[in-house]
N, C-alpha and C. Protein backbone atom coordinates (compact mmCIF):
# COMPACT_ATOMS: atom_id res chain seq x y z
N MET A 1 -6.88 17.37 -5.86
CA MET A 1 -6.59 16.69 -4.61
C MET A 1 -5.28 15.96 -4.58
N GLU A 2 -4.64 16.01 -3.69
CA GLU A 2 -3.77 15.18 -3.50
C GLU A 2 -3.35 13.70 -3.63
N ILE A 3 -2.45 12.85 -4.08
CA ILE A 3 -2.30 11.53 -4.11
C ILE A 3 -2.55 10.88 -2.68
N PRO A 4 -3.35 10.01 -2.40
CA PRO A 4 -3.51 9.70 -1.10
C PRO A 4 -2.35 8.68 -0.71
N ASP A 5 -1.94 8.65 0.69
CA ASP A 5 -0.87 7.58 0.85
C ASP A 5 -1.49 6.15 0.87
N PHE A 6 -0.84 5.13 1.09
CA PHE A 6 -1.03 3.87 0.83
C PHE A 6 -1.97 3.46 1.68
N GLN A 7 -1.79 3.96 3.13
CA GLN A 7 -2.94 3.50 4.01
C GLN A 7 -4.18 4.12 4.09
N THR A 8 -4.35 5.32 3.51
CA THR A 8 -5.74 5.95 3.23
C THR A 8 -6.43 5.13 2.21
N ILE A 9 -5.50 4.64 1.26
CA ILE A 9 -6.28 3.69 0.06
C ILE A 9 -7.02 2.60 0.85
N MET A 10 -6.41 2.04 1.79
CA MET A 10 -6.79 0.42 2.19
C MET A 10 -8.42 0.35 2.36
N LEU A 11 -8.82 1.30 3.04
CA LEU A 11 -10.45 1.12 3.36
C LEU A 11 -11.45 1.05 2.09
N PRO A 12 -11.16 2.28 1.25
CA PRO A 12 -11.80 2.41 -0.10
C PRO A 12 -11.66 1.13 -0.93
N LEU A 13 -10.46 0.65 -0.98
CA LEU A 13 -10.28 -0.56 -1.47
C LEU A 13 -10.86 -1.74 -0.96
N LEU A 14 -10.88 -2.07 0.36
CA LEU A 14 -11.60 -3.08 0.65
C LEU A 14 -13.23 -3.02 0.79
N ARG A 15 -13.61 -1.76 0.70
CA ARG A 15 -15.08 -1.50 0.50
C ARG A 15 -15.48 -1.89 -0.84
N PHE A 16 -14.54 -1.54 -2.03
CA PHE A 16 -14.83 -1.75 -3.41
C PHE A 16 -14.99 -3.41 -3.66
N MET A 17 -13.94 -4.11 -3.04
CA MET A 17 -13.76 -5.48 -3.04
C MET A 17 -15.09 -6.22 -2.11
N GLY A 18 -15.80 -5.31 -1.17
CA GLY A 18 -16.83 -5.95 -0.65
C GLY A 18 -18.05 -6.61 -1.44
N ASP A 19 -17.97 -6.30 -2.65
CA ASP A 19 -18.84 -7.00 -3.42
C ASP A 19 -18.80 -8.67 -3.58
N GLY A 20 -17.51 -9.16 -3.17
CA GLY A 20 -17.31 -10.30 -3.31
C GLY A 20 -16.75 -11.06 -4.64
N LYS A 21 -16.89 -10.12 -5.55
CA LYS A 21 -16.41 -10.54 -6.89
C LYS A 21 -14.84 -10.60 -6.94
N GLU A 22 -14.35 -11.23 -7.87
CA GLU A 22 -12.66 -11.08 -8.22
C GLU A 22 -12.48 -9.89 -9.09
N HIS A 23 -11.46 -8.98 -8.71
CA HIS A 23 -11.54 -7.66 -9.49
C HIS A 23 -9.67 -7.93 -9.76
N SER A 24 -9.58 -7.29 -11.04
CA SER A 24 -8.17 -7.10 -11.50
C SER A 24 -7.43 -5.96 -10.78
N ILE A 25 -6.28 -5.85 -10.82
CA ILE A 25 -5.40 -4.54 -10.03
C ILE A 25 -5.84 -3.33 -11.06
N HIS A 26 -6.18 -3.54 -12.20
CA HIS A 26 -6.58 -2.44 -13.41
C HIS A 26 -7.88 -2.03 -12.92
N GLU A 27 -8.70 -2.58 -12.59
CA GLU A 27 -10.36 -2.35 -12.11
C GLU A 27 -10.09 -1.37 -10.76
N ILE A 28 -9.26 -1.96 -9.98
CA ILE A 28 -9.17 -1.13 -8.51
C ILE A 28 -8.56 -0.09 -8.86
N VAL A 29 -7.41 0.17 -9.56
CA VAL A 29 -6.98 1.41 -10.01
C VAL A 29 -7.86 2.29 -10.57
N SER A 30 -8.54 1.94 -11.66
CA SER A 30 -9.70 2.74 -12.17
C SER A 30 -10.63 3.33 -11.16
N TYR A 31 -11.00 2.36 -10.41
CA TYR A 31 -12.24 2.88 -9.51
C TYR A 31 -11.80 3.68 -8.36
N LEU A 32 -10.44 3.53 -7.81
CA LEU A 32 -9.98 4.16 -6.53
C LEU A 32 -9.52 5.67 -7.33
N ALA A 33 -9.29 5.68 -8.48
CA ALA A 33 -8.77 7.03 -9.27
C ALA A 33 -9.90 7.82 -9.21
N LYS A 34 -11.01 7.27 -9.28
CA LYS A 34 -12.36 8.14 -9.49
C LYS A 34 -12.77 8.24 -7.99
N GLU A 35 -12.69 7.29 -7.29
CA GLU A 35 -13.17 7.73 -5.86
C GLU A 35 -12.54 8.61 -5.26
N PHE A 36 -11.28 9.00 -5.45
CA PHE A 36 -10.21 9.89 -5.05
C PHE A 36 -10.30 11.32 -5.85
N ASN A 37 -11.33 11.08 -6.85
CA ASN A 37 -11.27 12.24 -8.06
C ASN A 37 -9.59 12.79 -8.41
N LEU A 38 -8.71 12.00 -8.80
CA LEU A 38 -7.50 12.26 -8.89
C LEU A 38 -7.84 12.87 -10.54
N SER A 39 -6.79 13.88 -10.57
CA SER A 39 -6.60 14.36 -11.99
C SER A 39 -5.68 13.50 -12.89
N THR A 40 -5.54 13.90 -14.13
CA THR A 40 -4.57 13.02 -15.33
C THR A 40 -3.23 13.39 -14.62
N GLN A 41 -2.92 14.69 -14.22
CA GLN A 41 -1.52 14.96 -13.90
C GLN A 41 -1.10 14.17 -12.92
N GLU A 42 -2.25 14.03 -11.78
CA GLU A 42 -1.70 13.25 -10.44
C GLU A 42 -1.44 11.70 -10.78
N LEU A 43 -2.40 11.23 -11.97
CA LEU A 43 -2.32 9.67 -12.19
C LEU A 43 -1.21 9.32 -13.05
N ASP A 44 -0.35 10.51 -13.60
CA ASP A 44 0.76 10.45 -14.52
C ASP A 44 1.92 10.71 -13.75
N GLU A 45 1.82 11.14 -12.28
CA GLU A 45 2.78 11.35 -11.60
C GLU A 45 3.71 9.95 -11.15
N LEU A 46 5.11 9.99 -11.43
CA LEU A 46 5.83 8.83 -11.46
C LEU A 46 6.56 8.67 -10.26
N LEU A 47 6.98 7.89 -9.70
CA LEU A 47 7.92 7.56 -8.79
C LEU A 47 9.46 8.03 -9.16
N PRO A 48 10.26 8.59 -8.45
CA PRO A 48 11.61 8.91 -8.61
C PRO A 48 12.20 8.10 -9.79
N SER A 49 12.20 6.73 -9.67
CA SER A 49 12.70 5.86 -10.61
C SER A 49 12.27 6.00 -12.16
N GLY A 50 11.04 6.49 -12.33
CA GLY A 50 10.47 6.68 -13.59
C GLY A 50 9.64 5.52 -14.17
N LYS A 51 9.54 4.48 -13.06
CA LYS A 51 9.35 3.35 -13.91
C LYS A 51 7.61 2.78 -13.46
N GLN A 52 6.97 3.59 -12.50
CA GLN A 52 5.82 3.40 -12.33
C GLN A 52 5.15 4.70 -11.62
N SER A 53 3.78 4.48 -11.89
CA SER A 53 3.23 6.01 -11.24
C SER A 53 2.95 5.59 -9.95
N ARG A 54 3.06 6.96 -9.20
CA ARG A 54 3.01 6.98 -7.49
C ARG A 54 1.50 6.22 -7.13
N PHE A 55 0.64 6.63 -7.94
CA PHE A 55 -0.63 6.25 -7.45
C PHE A 55 -0.82 4.49 -7.59
N ASP A 56 -0.39 4.08 -8.89
CA ASP A 56 -0.40 2.58 -9.12
C ASP A 56 0.37 1.85 -7.95
N ASN A 57 1.72 2.63 -7.52
CA ASN A 57 2.40 2.07 -6.48
C ASN A 57 1.69 1.90 -5.12
N ARG A 58 1.00 2.81 -4.95
CA ARG A 58 0.34 2.95 -3.52
C ARG A 58 -0.90 1.98 -3.34
N VAL A 59 -1.59 1.87 -4.57
CA VAL A 59 -2.75 1.00 -4.62
C VAL A 59 -2.03 -0.42 -4.41
N GLY A 60 -1.23 -0.61 -5.16
CA GLY A 60 -0.32 -1.90 -5.17
C GLY A 60 0.00 -2.26 -3.68
N TRP A 61 0.57 -1.48 -2.89
CA TRP A 61 0.98 -1.75 -1.70
C TRP A 61 -0.20 -2.00 -0.62
N ALA A 62 -1.09 -1.16 -0.94
CA ALA A 62 -2.53 -1.31 -0.11
C ALA A 62 -2.95 -2.57 -0.31
N ARG A 63 -3.20 -3.02 -1.41
CA ARG A 63 -3.53 -4.10 -1.91
C ARG A 63 -2.55 -5.62 -1.33
N THR A 64 -1.32 -5.29 -1.35
CA THR A 64 -0.38 -6.27 -0.54
C THR A 64 -0.54 -6.33 0.91
N TYR A 65 -0.92 -5.27 1.60
CA TYR A 65 -0.83 -5.17 3.00
C TYR A 65 -2.38 -5.84 3.17
N LEU A 66 -3.24 -5.67 2.56
CA LEU A 66 -4.71 -6.19 2.65
C LEU A 66 -4.37 -7.92 2.60
N VAL A 67 -3.66 -8.22 1.72
CA VAL A 67 -3.55 -9.59 1.27
C VAL A 67 -2.79 -10.35 2.36
N LYS A 68 -1.65 -9.70 2.88
CA LYS A 68 -0.91 -10.25 3.95
C LYS A 68 -1.56 -10.21 5.11
N SER A 69 -2.53 -9.49 5.56
CA SER A 69 -3.33 -9.41 6.71
C SER A 69 -4.61 -10.48 6.56
N GLY A 70 -4.59 -11.27 5.31
CA GLY A 70 -5.88 -11.99 5.17
C GLY A 70 -7.19 -11.35 5.03
N LEU A 71 -7.28 -10.14 4.40
CA LEU A 71 -8.42 -9.30 4.32
C LEU A 71 -8.91 -9.53 2.86
N LEU A 72 -7.82 -9.88 2.12
CA LEU A 72 -8.10 -10.02 0.80
C LEU A 72 -7.11 -11.25 0.33
N LYS A 73 -7.51 -12.08 -0.88
CA LYS A 73 -6.79 -12.98 -1.30
C LYS A 73 -6.53 -13.13 -2.53
N THR A 74 -5.53 -13.35 -3.23
CA THR A 74 -4.77 -13.32 -4.72
C THR A 74 -5.75 -14.71 -5.06
N SER A 75 -6.71 -14.30 -6.07
CA SER A 75 -7.30 -15.52 -6.83
C SER A 75 -6.58 -16.06 -8.04
N ARG A 76 -6.05 -15.16 -8.70
CA ARG A 76 -5.20 -15.64 -9.79
C ARG A 76 -4.51 -14.35 -10.30
N ARG A 77 -3.34 -14.21 -10.55
CA ARG A 77 -2.52 -13.29 -10.92
C ARG A 77 -3.21 -12.27 -12.13
N PRO A 78 -3.30 -10.92 -11.82
CA PRO A 78 -3.21 -10.21 -11.16
C PRO A 78 -4.71 -9.77 -10.33
N TYR A 79 -5.37 -10.87 -10.02
CA TYR A 79 -6.87 -10.59 -9.45
C TYR A 79 -6.99 -10.95 -8.22
N VAL A 80 -7.66 -10.35 -7.27
CA VAL A 80 -7.73 -10.54 -5.88
C VAL A 80 -9.29 -10.51 -5.42
N GLN A 81 -9.63 -11.19 -4.18
CA GLN A 81 -10.91 -11.20 -3.65
C GLN A 81 -11.20 -10.89 -2.36
N ILE A 82 -12.15 -10.39 -1.65
CA ILE A 82 -12.24 -10.14 -0.48
C ILE A 82 -12.46 -11.75 0.20
N THR A 83 -11.93 -11.59 1.47
CA THR A 83 -12.09 -13.01 2.34
C THR A 83 -13.00 -12.82 3.34
N GLU A 84 -13.63 -13.90 3.98
CA GLU A 84 -14.44 -13.66 4.93
C GLU A 84 -13.92 -12.70 6.03
N ARG A 85 -12.56 -12.85 6.54
CA ARG A 85 -11.84 -11.84 7.42
C ARG A 85 -12.19 -10.32 7.03
N GLY A 86 -11.85 -10.25 5.59
CA GLY A 86 -12.31 -9.03 5.09
C GLY A 86 -13.43 -8.58 5.18
N LYS A 87 -14.62 -9.42 4.98
CA LYS A 87 -16.12 -8.88 5.09
C LYS A 87 -16.28 -8.53 6.50
N GLU A 88 -15.61 -9.50 7.50
CA GLU A 88 -15.92 -9.11 9.05
C GLU A 88 -15.34 -7.76 9.38
N ALA A 89 -14.15 -7.31 8.71
CA ALA A 89 -13.42 -6.12 8.99
C ALA A 89 -14.49 -5.03 8.26
N LEU A 90 -15.03 -5.06 7.32
CA LEU A 90 -16.09 -4.10 6.90
C LEU A 90 -17.33 -4.01 7.88
N LYS A 91 -17.85 -5.14 8.44
CA LYS A 91 -18.75 -4.96 9.23
C LYS A 91 -18.47 -4.22 10.41
N MET A 92 -17.17 -4.03 10.95
CA MET A 92 -16.68 -3.34 12.03
C MET A 92 -16.95 -1.74 11.82
N ASN A 93 -17.28 -1.48 10.54
CA ASN A 93 -17.49 0.16 10.14
C ASN A 93 -16.46 0.92 10.73
N GLN A 94 -15.27 0.48 10.57
CA GLN A 94 -13.97 1.50 10.88
C GLN A 94 -14.02 2.66 10.15
N ALA A 95 -13.40 3.73 10.57
CA ALA A 95 -13.12 4.98 9.94
C ALA A 95 -11.97 4.86 9.10
N ARG A 96 -11.01 4.02 9.46
CA ARG A 96 -9.85 3.95 8.84
C ARG A 96 -9.24 2.50 8.98
N ILE A 97 -8.50 2.05 7.81
CA ILE A 97 -8.17 0.60 7.91
C ILE A 97 -6.70 1.18 7.65
N ASP A 98 -5.61 0.83 8.62
CA ASP A 98 -4.38 1.08 8.31
C ASP A 98 -3.34 0.18 9.13
N MET A 99 -2.10 0.23 8.91
CA MET A 99 -1.15 -0.67 9.59
C MET A 99 -1.64 -1.06 10.98
N GLY A 100 -1.80 0.24 11.68
CA GLY A 100 -2.19 -0.21 13.09
C GLY A 100 -3.44 -1.27 13.21
N PHE A 101 -4.45 -1.10 12.56
CA PHE A 101 -5.61 -1.75 12.33
C PHE A 101 -5.13 -3.50 12.05
N LEU A 102 -4.25 -3.51 11.31
CA LEU A 102 -3.80 -4.84 10.45
C LEU A 102 -2.98 -5.37 11.50
N LYS A 103 -2.21 -4.64 12.72
CA LYS A 103 -1.43 -5.30 13.57
C LYS A 103 -2.35 -6.43 14.41
N GLN A 104 -3.67 -6.62 14.22
CA GLN A 104 -4.33 -7.51 15.02
C GLN A 104 -4.40 -8.81 14.50
N TYR A 105 -3.93 -8.88 13.14
CA TYR A 105 -3.69 -10.13 12.33
C TYR A 105 -2.38 -10.80 12.64
N PRO A 106 -2.10 -11.86 13.08
CA PRO A 106 -0.93 -12.61 13.15
C PRO A 106 -0.11 -12.96 12.00
N GLU A 107 -0.96 -12.94 10.80
CA GLU A 107 0.06 -13.19 9.58
C GLU A 107 0.54 -12.03 8.99
N PHE A 108 -0.22 -10.98 9.41
CA PHE A 108 0.29 -9.69 8.89
C PHE A 108 1.78 -9.26 9.87
N LEU A 109 1.63 -9.39 11.24
CA LEU A 109 2.72 -9.27 12.02
C LEU A 109 4.00 -10.08 11.59
N GLU A 110 3.75 -11.11 11.45
CA GLU A 110 4.68 -12.41 11.04
C GLU A 110 5.36 -11.94 9.64
N TRP A 111 4.57 -11.42 8.70
CA TRP A 111 4.98 -11.07 7.53
C TRP A 111 5.98 -9.47 7.56
N ARG A 112 5.45 -8.63 8.48
CA ARG A 112 6.14 -7.18 8.76
C ARG A 112 7.49 -7.61 9.40
N GLN A 113 7.44 -8.74 10.34
CA GLN A 113 8.50 -8.84 10.98
C GLN A 113 9.63 -9.46 9.98
N HIS A 114 9.33 -10.43 9.24
CA HIS A 114 10.16 -11.04 8.19
C HIS A 114 10.70 -9.68 7.42
N LYS A 115 9.74 -9.05 6.70
CA LYS A 115 9.86 -8.02 5.80
C LYS A 115 11.12 -6.96 6.34
N GLN A 116 10.77 -6.77 7.70
CA GLN A 116 11.92 -5.64 8.37
C GLN A 116 13.23 -6.22 8.19
N LYS A 117 13.32 -7.28 8.71
CA LYS A 117 14.74 -8.04 8.71
C LYS A 117 15.40 -8.37 7.44
N THR A 118 14.51 -8.37 6.43
CA THR A 118 15.33 -8.57 5.22
C THR A 118 15.92 -7.44 4.51
N VAL A 119 14.52 -6.41 4.56
CA VAL A 119 14.56 -5.09 3.69
C VAL A 119 15.23 -4.22 4.34
N PHE A 120 15.11 -3.72 5.88
CA PHE A 120 15.37 -2.62 6.22
C PHE A 120 16.59 -2.63 6.97
N THR A 121 17.55 -1.69 7.07
CA THR A 121 18.55 -1.63 8.12
C THR A 121 18.24 -1.01 9.49
N ASP A 122 19.10 -1.00 10.29
CA ASP A 122 19.11 -0.10 11.73
C ASP A 122 19.01 1.18 11.30
N ASN A 123 19.46 1.68 10.31
CA ASN A 123 19.54 3.22 10.02
C ASN A 123 18.45 3.64 9.33
N ILE A 124 17.37 2.85 9.19
CA ILE A 124 16.02 3.39 8.24
C ILE A 124 15.22 3.01 9.44
N GLU A 125 14.39 4.23 9.95
CA GLU A 125 13.20 3.80 11.05
C GLU A 125 11.97 3.78 10.09
N VAL A 126 11.10 2.81 10.51
CA VAL A 126 9.91 2.86 9.64
C VAL A 126 8.81 2.41 10.85
N GLU A 127 7.85 3.40 10.84
CA GLU A 127 6.74 3.76 12.05
C GLU A 127 5.42 2.98 11.44
N SER A 128 4.80 2.34 12.27
CA SER A 128 3.49 1.98 11.96
C SER A 128 2.48 2.87 11.13
N ASN A 129 3.07 4.12 11.65
CA ASN A 129 1.97 5.65 11.04
C ASN A 129 2.97 5.85 9.56
N GLU A 130 3.74 5.15 9.15
CA GLU A 130 4.30 5.58 7.96
C GLU A 130 3.50 5.52 6.54
N VAL A 131 3.29 6.91 6.07
CA VAL A 131 2.73 6.96 4.99
C VAL A 131 3.34 6.76 3.66
N ARG A 132 4.85 6.56 3.60
CA ARG A 132 5.15 6.11 2.21
C ARG A 132 5.26 4.46 1.88
N THR A 133 5.45 4.26 0.81
CA THR A 133 5.56 2.93 0.54
C THR A 133 6.95 2.24 0.65
N PRO A 134 7.04 1.16 0.64
CA PRO A 134 8.50 0.82 0.68
C PRO A 134 9.44 1.40 -0.42
N GLU A 135 8.97 1.43 -1.63
CA GLU A 135 9.75 2.01 -2.58
C GLU A 135 10.13 3.72 -2.28
N GLU A 136 9.40 4.15 -1.72
CA GLU A 136 9.39 5.64 -1.37
C GLU A 136 10.49 5.84 -0.24
N ILE A 137 10.26 4.85 0.64
CA ILE A 137 11.36 4.77 1.76
C ILE A 137 12.67 4.56 1.50
N PHE A 138 12.66 3.67 0.56
CA PHE A 138 14.20 3.11 -0.12
C PHE A 138 14.62 4.23 -1.18
N GLU A 139 13.73 5.02 -1.77
CA GLU A 139 14.42 6.11 -2.64
C GLU A 139 14.83 7.19 -1.86
N ASP A 140 13.85 7.53 -0.78
CA ASP A 140 14.46 8.79 0.20
C ASP A 140 15.77 8.35 0.68
N ALA A 141 16.01 6.96 1.29
CA ALA A 141 17.18 6.44 1.87
C ALA A 141 18.38 6.65 0.77
N TYR A 142 18.19 6.34 -0.35
CA TYR A 142 19.18 6.36 -1.49
C TYR A 142 19.54 7.75 -1.74
N LYS A 143 18.61 8.77 -1.86
CA LYS A 143 18.89 10.14 -1.90
C LYS A 143 19.80 10.67 -0.77
N LYS A 144 19.44 10.31 0.42
CA LYS A 144 20.39 10.51 1.67
C LYS A 144 21.80 10.17 1.40
N PHE A 145 21.87 8.86 0.93
CA PHE A 145 23.08 8.24 0.69
C PHE A 145 23.72 8.89 -0.36
N GLU A 146 23.01 9.40 -1.47
CA GLU A 146 23.76 10.13 -2.39
C GLU A 146 24.48 11.43 -1.85
N ILE A 147 23.81 11.98 -1.00
CA ILE A 147 24.11 13.39 -0.73
C ILE A 147 25.29 13.42 0.35
N ILE A 148 25.12 12.11 1.02
CA ILE A 148 26.33 12.16 2.00
C ILE A 148 27.66 11.90 1.35
N SER A 149 27.30 10.81 0.12
CA SER A 149 28.47 9.98 -0.76
C SER A 149 29.17 11.33 -1.42
N TYR A 150 28.39 12.41 -1.93
CA TYR A 150 28.74 13.48 -2.62
C TYR A 150 29.57 14.41 -1.65
N ARG A 151 29.08 14.79 -0.27
CA ARG A 151 29.59 15.48 0.35
C ARG A 151 31.25 14.91 0.96
N LYS A 152 31.46 13.56 0.89
CA LYS A 152 32.54 13.02 1.34
C LYS A 152 33.80 13.61 0.04
N TYR A 153 33.40 13.68 -0.85
CA TYR A 153 34.23 13.90 -2.16
C TYR A 153 34.25 14.99 -2.62
C-alpha cells in the first residue's frame, strides 16, 4: 500500500482516539501503520531532508490539524486525547475527515489564516484539498527554486 496523505490519516487517527484515553504519538503511529498495512520499506521512507520518516511526518500533521480544530487536545507532551468535540465528530459517521471538514471550526480557520500569513508566500498556492504536508510543500518549492537558480547560472 502507498503511504496515505495526512488528510486520509485524520479519520482513522480520530477513531483510534475515540476510546477517550491518552495516547502517545508513538502509540498512534504504531496503530496507524498496522491499520494502513504499511511495509517496513514504507515506514522507513524518509522525507527528502532525511531527518524524519514520511509516515511519521504525515501522522504528526494529521494530529496537529485535529488539535488545532479542537477535536483532540494535547494532554502532556507527546500525548493527546480526544475532546468532546472530537467525540461529536465521530458520531457524525463521516466517510472522511479532512481540511474541508475542519473548516467548520473557527479555531482551525484562525490557525490556518495565521499559518498561511507567516509560512507561505504569494508564489506558493495551497488548496484545501492539498495532500502534502507543509514540509513536503516547502521541499517542493525549494527544489523548484534550486532548479530556477541553477538555470540562471
